Amino acid sequence: MTVITLTRTPSGALAAADEETREFVARLKMGAGLRGDFKRQRNPRFHRKAFALFKFAFDLWDAPALEYKGQPVAKDLDRFRKDITILAGHYESAVNLRGEVRLEAKSLSFSNMAEDEFEAVYRSILNVVWDRVLKSKGYGSAADVDRIVEELLRFDS
């Protein structure tokens, strides 16, 4: 079973509220129907705010120019999001076949945490983004960055 997150638009239609749902809907054939049990989730706008923060920081991040086996390595938004989430302390650890500890970012999905927990994770992510990426770009504080992300969301709505 796939968990999708929808939000009500001003026209009354339901639309994908996150990237996972957008990808799921994009894979559906035209005219395909869905059936499911629906329940209210935490504030989807706050969830969008977190992903707007990731995108904002990613766009400003200067990734080092690296090569692997002679091929250039591109920066990747999903890897960036996971790394920031791990640095914010929201991860699980596991051991791989070589006996090394690997950190995996915990999911930020609606079904995995309550609103108050997500708020705490968002604050941690905001602080990491400001400290690791945006402070060097001249942003004064994490609070300044939070205000900018709020402004960006107003333009997206």
N, C-alpha and C. Protein backbone atom coordinates (compact mmCIF):
# COMPACT_ATOMS: atom_id res chain seq x y z
N MET A 1 0.84 -1.18 0.00
CA MET A 1 0.00 0.00 0.00
C MET A 1 0.88 1.24 0.00
N THR A 2 0.53 2.21 -0.77
CA THR A 2 1.25 3.46 -0.85
C THR A 2 0.53 4.52 -0.03
N VAL A 3 1.28 5.27 0.74
CA VAL A 3 0.71 6.37 1.50
C VAL A 3 0.93 7.65 0.71
N ILE A 4 -0.15 8.35 0.41
CA ILE A 4 -0.05 9.61 -0.31
C ILE A 4 -0.60 10.73 0.57
N THR A 5 -0.14 11.95 0.32
CA THR A 5 -0.59 13.10 1.09
C THR A 5 -1.17 14.12 0.13
N LEU A 6 -2.41 14.50 0.40
CA LEU A 6 -3.11 15.44 -0.45
C LEU A 6 -3.47 16.69 0.34
N THR A 7 -3.65 17.78 -0.37
CA THR A 7 -4.10 19.02 0.25
C THR A 7 -5.22 19.61 -0.61
N ARG A 8 -6.11 20.33 0.03
CA ARG A 8 -7.23 20.95 -0.69
C ARG A 8 -6.77 22.27 -1.28
N THR A 9 -7.01 22.47 -2.56
CA THR A 9 -6.65 23.71 -3.24
C THR A 9 -7.81 24.70 -3.14
N PRO A 10 -7.56 25.98 -3.45
CA PRO A 10 -8.65 26.97 -3.39
C PRO A 10 -9.85 26.61 -4.27
N SER A 11 -9.62 25.86 -5.35
CA SER A 11 -10.73 25.47 -6.23
C SER A 11 -11.54 24.30 -5.67
N GLY A 12 -11.06 23.71 -4.58
CA GLY A 12 -11.76 22.59 -3.97
C GLY A 12 -11.21 21.23 -4.38
N ALA A 13 -10.29 21.21 -5.33
CA ALA A 13 -9.70 19.95 -5.78
C ALA A 13 -8.63 19.49 -4.79
N LEU A 14 -8.31 18.22 -4.83
CA LEU A 14 -7.22 17.69 -4.02
C LEU A 14 -5.97 17.62 -4.89
N ALA A 15 -4.83 18.02 -4.33
CA ALA A 15 -3.57 18.03 -5.07
C ALA A 15 -2.48 17.39 -4.21
N ALA A 16 -1.45 16.88 -4.86
CA ALA A 16 -0.31 16.29 -4.15
C ALA A 16 0.32 17.33 -3.24
N ALA A 17 0.59 16.93 -1.99
CA ALA A 17 1.14 17.86 -1.00
C ALA A 17 2.65 17.72 -0.83
N ASP A 18 3.23 16.69 -1.42
CA ASP A 18 4.67 16.51 -1.29
C ASP A 18 5.24 15.83 -2.54
N GLU A 19 6.55 15.77 -2.59
CA GLU A 19 7.22 15.23 -3.77
C GLU A 19 6.91 13.75 -3.98
N GLU A 20 6.85 12.98 -2.90
CA GLU A 20 6.54 11.55 -3.01
C GLU A 20 5.18 11.34 -3.66
N THR A 21 4.21 12.13 -3.25
CA THR A 21 2.87 12.00 -3.81
C THR A 21 2.84 12.46 -5.26
N ARG A 22 3.56 13.55 -5.57
CA ARG A 22 3.62 14.01 -6.96
C ARG A 22 4.19 12.91 -7.87
N GLU A 23 5.24 12.24 -7.41
CA GLU A 23 5.84 11.17 -8.20
C GLU A 23 4.87 10.01 -8.35
N PHE A 24 4.16 9.66 -7.28
CA PHE A 24 3.18 8.58 -7.33
C PHE A 24 2.08 8.91 -8.34
N VAL A 25 1.54 10.11 -8.26
CA VAL A 25 0.46 10.53 -9.17
C VAL A 25 0.96 10.57 -10.61
N ALA A 26 2.19 11.01 -10.82
CA ALA A 26 2.74 11.09 -12.18
C ALA A 26 2.84 9.71 -12.82
N ARG A 27 3.00 8.66 -12.01
CA ARG A 27 3.11 7.30 -12.54
C ARG A 27 1.75 6.67 -12.86
N LEU A 28 0.67 7.31 -12.40
CA LEU A 28 -0.67 6.77 -12.68
C LEU A 28 -1.03 6.98 -14.14
N LYS A 29 -1.74 6.01 -14.70
CA LYS A 29 -2.23 6.17 -16.07
C LYS A 29 -3.40 7.15 -16.05
N MET A 30 -3.58 7.87 -17.15
CA MET A 30 -4.68 8.82 -17.25
C MET A 30 -6.00 8.09 -17.02
N GLY A 31 -6.83 8.64 -16.17
CA GLY A 31 -8.13 8.06 -15.88
C GLY A 31 -8.12 7.00 -14.79
N ALA A 32 -6.94 6.66 -14.27
CA ALA A 32 -6.85 5.65 -13.21
C ALA A 32 -7.52 6.18 -11.94
N GLY A 33 -8.19 5.30 -11.23
CA GLY A 33 -8.86 5.70 -9.99
C GLY A 33 -8.08 5.20 -8.78
N LEU A 34 -8.33 5.82 -7.67
CA LEU A 34 -7.72 5.42 -6.41
C LEU A 34 -8.81 5.23 -5.38
N ARG A 35 -8.58 4.32 -4.45
CA ARG A 35 -9.51 4.11 -3.35
C ARG A 35 -8.67 4.04 -2.09
N GLY A 36 -9.13 4.65 -1.03
CA GLY A 36 -8.35 4.60 0.20
C GLY A 36 -9.10 5.11 1.40
N ASP A 37 -8.49 4.89 2.54
CA ASP A 37 -9.00 5.44 3.79
C ASP A 37 -8.19 6.70 4.07
N PHE A 38 -8.88 7.80 4.34
CA PHE A 38 -8.20 9.07 4.51
C PHE A 38 -8.34 9.58 5.94
N LYS A 39 -7.29 10.20 6.42
CA LYS A 39 -7.33 10.84 7.73
C LYS A 39 -6.53 12.13 7.66
N ARG A 40 -6.87 13.07 8.52
CA ARG A 40 -6.16 14.34 8.55
C ARG A 40 -4.75 14.12 9.08
N GLN A 41 -3.83 14.84 8.53
CA GLN A 41 -2.45 14.75 8.95
C GLN A 41 -2.01 16.10 9.49
N ARG A 42 -0.75 16.17 9.88
CA ARG A 42 -0.26 17.44 10.40
C ARG A 42 -0.28 18.49 9.30
N ASN A 43 0.01 19.70 9.64
CA ASN A 43 -0.06 20.86 8.77
C ASN A 43 0.77 20.68 7.50
N PRO A 44 0.13 20.51 6.34
CA PRO A 44 0.90 20.31 5.10
C PRO A 44 1.71 21.55 4.71
N ARG A 45 1.26 22.74 5.10
CA ARG A 45 2.02 23.94 4.77
C ARG A 45 3.38 23.93 5.47
N PHE A 46 3.39 23.46 6.71
CA PHE A 46 4.65 23.39 7.45
C PHE A 46 5.58 22.36 6.81
N HIS A 47 5.00 21.28 6.32
CA HIS A 47 5.79 20.26 5.61
C HIS A 47 6.40 20.87 4.34
N ARG A 48 5.60 21.62 3.59
CA ARG A 48 6.10 22.29 2.38
C ARG A 48 7.20 23.29 2.75
N LYS A 49 7.05 23.92 3.90
CA LYS A 49 8.05 24.89 4.35
C LYS A 49 9.41 24.20 4.54
N ALA A 50 9.40 23.02 5.13
CA ALA A 50 10.66 22.28 5.32
C ALA A 50 11.31 21.97 3.98
N PHE A 51 10.52 21.53 3.01
CA PHE A 51 11.09 21.19 1.72
C PHE A 51 11.49 22.44 0.93
N ALA A 52 10.82 23.56 1.17
CA ALA A 52 11.25 24.82 0.56
C ALA A 52 12.60 25.24 1.14
N LEU A 53 12.80 25.00 2.42
CA LEU A 53 14.08 25.30 3.06
C LEU A 53 15.19 24.46 2.43
N PHE A 54 14.95 23.16 2.26
CA PHE A 54 15.95 22.30 1.61
C PHE A 54 16.30 22.82 0.21
N LYS A 55 15.28 23.16 -0.57
CA LYS A 55 15.50 23.62 -1.95
C LYS A 55 16.25 24.94 -1.97
N PHE A 56 15.87 25.85 -1.10
CA PHE A 56 16.53 27.16 -1.01
C PHE A 56 18.01 26.99 -0.70
N ALA A 57 18.33 26.18 0.30
CA ALA A 57 19.72 25.95 0.69
C ALA A 57 20.48 25.20 -0.40
N PHE A 58 19.84 24.21 -1.00
CA PHE A 58 20.48 23.43 -2.06
C PHE A 58 20.88 24.32 -3.22
N ASP A 59 19.99 25.22 -3.62
CA ASP A 59 20.29 26.12 -4.75
C ASP A 59 21.47 27.04 -4.45
N LEU A 60 21.69 27.38 -3.19
CA LEU A 60 22.79 28.26 -2.81
C LEU A 60 24.07 27.52 -2.44
N TRP A 61 23.99 26.22 -2.26
CA TRP A 61 25.13 25.40 -1.86
C TRP A 61 26.11 25.26 -3.02
N ASP A 62 27.36 25.56 -2.73
CA ASP A 62 28.42 25.38 -3.73
C ASP A 62 29.07 24.02 -3.52
N ALA A 63 28.61 23.04 -4.28
CA ALA A 63 29.16 21.69 -4.16
C ALA A 63 30.55 21.69 -4.80
N PRO A 64 31.47 20.94 -4.21
CA PRO A 64 32.81 20.86 -4.81
C PRO A 64 32.75 20.14 -6.15
N ALA A 65 33.61 20.54 -7.08
CA ALA A 65 33.68 19.88 -8.39
C ALA A 65 34.48 18.59 -8.21
N LEU A 66 33.79 17.47 -8.28
CA LEU A 66 34.42 16.17 -8.07
C LEU A 66 34.18 15.26 -9.27
N GLU A 67 35.06 14.26 -9.39
CA GLU A 67 34.89 13.23 -10.41
C GLU A 67 34.94 11.87 -9.75
N TYR A 68 34.24 10.92 -10.35
CA TYR A 68 34.30 9.54 -9.90
C TYR A 68 34.48 8.68 -11.14
N LYS A 69 35.59 7.95 -11.18
CA LYS A 69 35.93 7.11 -12.33
C LYS A 69 35.89 7.92 -13.63
N GLY A 70 36.43 9.13 -13.57
CA GLY A 70 36.54 9.98 -14.75
C GLY A 70 35.27 10.73 -15.13
N GLN A 71 34.20 10.55 -14.39
CA GLN A 71 32.93 11.21 -14.70
C GLN A 71 32.64 12.29 -13.65
N PRO A 72 32.12 13.43 -14.08
CA PRO A 72 31.78 14.47 -13.10
C PRO A 72 30.63 14.00 -12.20
N VAL A 73 30.69 14.40 -10.95
CA VAL A 73 29.66 14.05 -9.98
C VAL A 73 28.79 15.29 -9.77
N ALA A 74 27.51 15.14 -10.01
CA ALA A 74 26.58 16.26 -9.87
C ALA A 74 26.02 16.30 -8.46
N LYS A 75 25.66 17.49 -8.02
CA LYS A 75 24.99 17.58 -6.72
C LYS A 75 23.56 17.08 -6.88
N ASP A 76 23.01 16.54 -5.79
CA ASP A 76 21.72 15.88 -5.84
C ASP A 76 20.86 16.36 -4.66
N LEU A 77 19.68 16.88 -4.96
CA LEU A 77 18.81 17.43 -3.92
C LEU A 77 18.40 16.37 -2.89
N ASP A 78 18.08 15.17 -3.33
CA ASP A 78 17.66 14.14 -2.40
C ASP A 78 18.80 13.75 -1.44
N ARG A 79 20.02 13.64 -1.96
CA ARG A 79 21.17 13.32 -1.10
C ARG A 79 21.43 14.48 -0.13
N PHE A 80 21.31 15.71 -0.63
CA PHE A 80 21.49 16.90 0.20
C PHE A 80 20.49 16.90 1.35
N ARG A 81 19.22 16.63 1.04
CA ARG A 81 18.16 16.60 2.05
C ARG A 81 18.47 15.54 3.11
N LYS A 82 18.88 14.37 2.67
CA LYS A 82 19.20 13.30 3.61
C LYS A 82 20.40 13.67 4.48
N ASP A 83 21.43 14.25 3.88
CA ASP A 83 22.62 14.62 4.65
C ASP A 83 22.29 15.69 5.69
N ILE A 84 21.51 16.68 5.31
CA ILE A 84 21.12 17.73 6.26
C ILE A 84 20.29 17.13 7.39
N THR A 85 19.38 16.24 7.05
CA THR A 85 18.54 15.59 8.06
C THR A 85 19.39 14.79 9.04
N ILE A 86 20.39 14.09 8.54
CA ILE A 86 21.31 13.34 9.40
C ILE A 86 22.09 14.29 10.31
N LEU A 87 22.63 15.37 9.73
CA LEU A 87 23.38 16.34 10.52
C LEU A 87 22.50 16.99 11.59
N ALA A 88 21.20 17.05 11.34
CA ALA A 88 20.26 17.62 12.30
C ALA A 88 19.92 16.62 13.41
N GLY A 89 20.48 15.41 13.33
CA GLY A 89 20.27 14.42 14.37
C GLY A 89 19.06 13.53 14.19
N HIS A 90 18.45 13.58 13.02
CA HIS A 90 17.24 12.79 12.76
C HIS A 90 17.63 11.62 11.85
N TYR A 91 18.22 10.58 12.44
CA TYR A 91 18.73 9.45 11.66
C TYR A 91 18.66 8.15 12.44
N GLU A 92 18.86 7.07 11.70
CA GLU A 92 19.01 5.74 12.28
C GLU A 92 20.37 5.21 11.83
N SER A 93 21.00 4.41 12.66
CA SER A 93 22.30 3.84 12.29
C SER A 93 22.15 2.35 12.02
N ALA A 94 23.00 1.86 11.12
CA ALA A 94 23.02 0.45 10.76
C ALA A 94 24.45 0.09 10.38
N VAL A 95 24.73 -1.18 10.36
CA VAL A 95 26.06 -1.64 9.97
C VAL A 95 25.95 -2.26 8.57
N ASN A 96 26.97 -2.00 7.73
CA ASN A 96 26.96 -2.59 6.38
C ASN A 96 27.82 -3.86 6.35
N LEU A 97 27.95 -4.46 5.17
CA LEU A 97 28.69 -5.72 5.04
C LEU A 97 30.17 -5.59 5.39
N ARG A 98 30.72 -4.40 5.27
CA ARG A 98 32.13 -4.19 5.60
C ARG A 98 32.34 -3.91 7.09
N GLY A 99 31.26 -3.92 7.85
CA GLY A 99 31.36 -3.65 9.28
C GLY A 99 31.40 -2.18 9.62
N GLU A 100 31.04 -1.33 8.66
CA GLU A 100 31.04 0.11 8.88
C GLU A 100 29.65 0.57 9.34
N VAL A 101 29.63 1.56 10.19
CA VAL A 101 28.36 2.15 10.62
C VAL A 101 27.90 3.11 9.53
N ARG A 102 26.66 2.98 9.12
CA ARG A 102 26.07 3.87 8.12
C ARG A 102 24.89 4.59 8.77
N LEU A 103 24.75 5.86 8.47
CA LEU A 103 23.63 6.64 8.98
C LEU A 103 22.62 6.84 7.86
N GLU A 104 21.38 6.61 8.17
CA GLU A 104 20.29 6.82 7.22
C GLU A 104 19.33 7.84 7.79
N ALA A 105 18.98 8.82 6.99
CA ALA A 105 18.03 9.84 7.43
C ALA A 105 16.67 9.20 7.70
N LYS A 106 16.05 9.60 8.80
CA LYS A 106 14.69 9.14 9.07
C LYS A 106 13.75 9.87 8.12
N SER A 107 12.65 9.26 7.84
CA SER A 107 11.65 9.85 6.96
C SER A 107 11.00 11.06 7.62
N LEU A 108 10.71 12.06 6.82
CA LEU A 108 9.99 13.24 7.28
C LEU A 108 8.52 13.17 6.90
N SER A 109 8.07 12.00 6.46
CA SER A 109 6.71 11.88 5.95
C SER A 109 5.68 12.15 7.04
N PHE A 110 4.51 12.50 6.60
CA PHE A 110 3.42 12.85 7.50
C PHE A 110 3.09 11.71 8.45
N SER A 111 3.12 10.49 7.96
CA SER A 111 2.69 9.36 8.78
C SER A 111 3.72 8.96 9.82
N ASN A 112 4.92 9.50 9.75
CA ASN A 112 5.99 9.06 10.64
C ASN A 112 6.21 9.91 11.89
N MET A 113 5.58 11.07 11.97
CA MET A 113 5.78 11.88 13.17
C MET A 113 4.67 12.89 13.38
N ALA A 114 4.48 13.25 14.62
CA ALA A 114 3.46 14.22 15.00
C ALA A 114 3.95 15.63 14.71
N GLU A 115 3.01 16.57 14.75
CA GLU A 115 3.31 17.98 14.45
C GLU A 115 4.41 18.55 15.35
N ASP A 116 4.33 18.32 16.65
CA ASP A 116 5.33 18.89 17.56
C ASP A 116 6.72 18.30 17.33
N GLU A 117 6.78 17.01 17.02
CA GLU A 117 8.08 16.39 16.71
C GLU A 117 8.64 16.97 15.41
N PHE A 118 7.77 17.15 14.41
CA PHE A 118 8.23 17.71 13.14
C PHE A 118 8.75 19.13 13.33
N GLU A 119 8.09 19.89 14.19
CA GLU A 119 8.55 21.25 14.47
C GLU A 119 9.96 21.26 15.04
N ALA A 120 10.24 20.34 15.94
CA ALA A 120 11.59 20.24 16.54
C ALA A 120 12.60 19.82 15.48
N VAL A 121 12.23 18.88 14.63
CA VAL A 121 13.14 18.45 13.55
C VAL A 121 13.39 19.62 12.59
N TYR A 122 12.32 20.36 12.25
CA TYR A 122 12.48 21.52 11.36
C TYR A 122 13.48 22.52 11.94
N ARG A 123 13.35 22.84 13.22
CA ARG A 123 14.27 23.79 13.87
C ARG A 123 15.71 23.29 13.78
N SER A 124 15.92 22.00 14.00
CA SER A 124 17.27 21.43 13.91
C SER A 124 17.80 21.53 12.48
N ILE A 125 16.94 21.23 11.52
CA ILE A 125 17.33 21.32 10.10
C ILE A 125 17.66 22.75 9.74
N LEU A 126 16.83 23.70 10.18
CA LEU A 126 17.06 25.11 9.91
C LEU A 126 18.42 25.55 10.45
N ASN A 127 18.75 25.14 11.66
CA ASN A 127 20.04 25.51 12.24
C ASN A 127 21.22 24.92 11.47
N VAL A 128 21.09 23.67 11.03
CA VAL A 128 22.16 23.03 10.25
C VAL A 128 22.32 23.73 8.91
N VAL A 129 21.21 24.00 8.23
CA VAL A 129 21.25 24.67 6.93
C VAL A 129 21.91 26.04 7.05
N TRP A 130 21.52 26.78 8.07
CA TRP A 130 22.11 28.10 8.26
C TRP A 130 23.61 27.98 8.54
N ASP A 131 23.98 27.10 9.47
CA ASP A 131 25.38 26.97 9.87
C ASP A 131 26.26 26.42 8.75
N ARG A 132 25.80 25.42 8.02
CA ARG A 132 26.63 24.72 7.03
C ARG A 132 26.61 25.36 5.64
N VAL A 133 25.54 26.08 5.30
CA VAL A 133 25.42 26.60 3.93
C VAL A 133 25.19 28.11 3.90
N LEU A 134 24.21 28.58 4.63
CA LEU A 134 23.74 29.96 4.43
C LEU A 134 24.50 31.02 5.21
N LYS A 135 25.12 30.65 6.30
CA LYS A 135 25.91 31.64 7.06
C LYS A 135 27.04 32.19 6.19
N SER A 136 27.69 31.30 5.43
CA SER A 136 28.79 31.74 4.56
C SER A 136 28.30 32.56 3.37
N LYS A 137 27.00 32.53 3.12
CA LYS A 137 26.40 33.31 2.02
C LYS A 137 25.92 34.67 2.50
N GLY A 138 26.15 34.98 3.78
CA GLY A 138 25.81 36.30 4.30
C GLY A 138 24.48 36.40 5.03
N TYR A 139 23.79 35.29 5.24
CA TYR A 139 22.54 35.33 5.97
C TYR A 139 22.85 35.49 7.45
N GLY A 140 22.20 36.45 8.11
CA GLY A 140 22.53 36.83 9.47
C GLY A 140 22.24 35.81 10.54
N SER A 141 21.14 35.07 10.40
CA SER A 141 20.77 34.11 11.44
C SER A 141 19.80 33.09 10.85
N ALA A 142 19.59 32.03 11.62
CA ALA A 142 18.60 31.03 11.21
C ALA A 142 17.21 31.65 11.15
N ALA A 143 16.93 32.59 12.04
CA ALA A 143 15.62 33.27 12.03
C ALA A 143 15.43 34.07 10.74
N ASP A 144 16.50 34.70 10.25
CA ASP A 144 16.42 35.42 8.96
C ASP A 144 16.07 34.46 7.83
N VAL A 145 16.71 33.30 7.83
CA VAL A 145 16.45 32.29 6.80
C VAL A 145 15.01 31.81 6.90
N ASP A 146 14.52 31.59 8.10
CA ASP A 146 13.14 31.15 8.29
C ASP A 146 12.16 32.17 7.71
N ARG A 147 12.42 33.45 7.92
CA ARG A 147 11.55 34.50 7.36
C ARG A 147 11.58 34.48 5.82
N ILE A 148 12.75 34.24 5.25
CA ILE A 148 12.87 34.18 3.79
C ILE A 148 12.09 32.99 3.23
N VAL A 149 12.17 31.85 3.89
CA VAL A 149 11.42 30.67 3.45
C VAL A 149 9.93 30.94 3.54
N GLU A 150 9.48 31.62 4.57
CA GLU A 150 8.07 32.01 4.67
C GLU A 150 7.66 32.88 3.48
N GLU A 151 8.52 33.81 3.10
CA GLU A 151 8.24 34.66 1.94
C GLU A 151 8.14 33.82 0.66
N LEU A 152 9.05 32.89 0.50
CA LEU A 152 9.04 32.00 -0.67
C LEU A 152 7.73 31.20 -0.74
N LEU A 153 7.26 30.76 0.39
CA LEU A 153 6.01 30.00 0.41
C LEU A 153 4.82 30.85 -0.01
N ARG A 154 4.85 32.12 0.32
CA ARG A 154 3.76 33.02 -0.09
C ARG A 154 3.67 33.12 -1.60
N PHE A 155 4.84 33.09 -2.27
CA PHE A 155 4.86 33.17 -3.73
C PHE A 155 4.43 31.86 -4.37
N ASP A 156 4.66 30.72 -3.69
CA ASP A 156 4.28 29.42 -4.22
C ASP A 156 2.81 29.12 -4.06
N SER A 157 2.16 29.76 -3.10
CA SER A 157 0.75 29.44 -2.81
C SER A 157 -0.18 29.92 -3.88
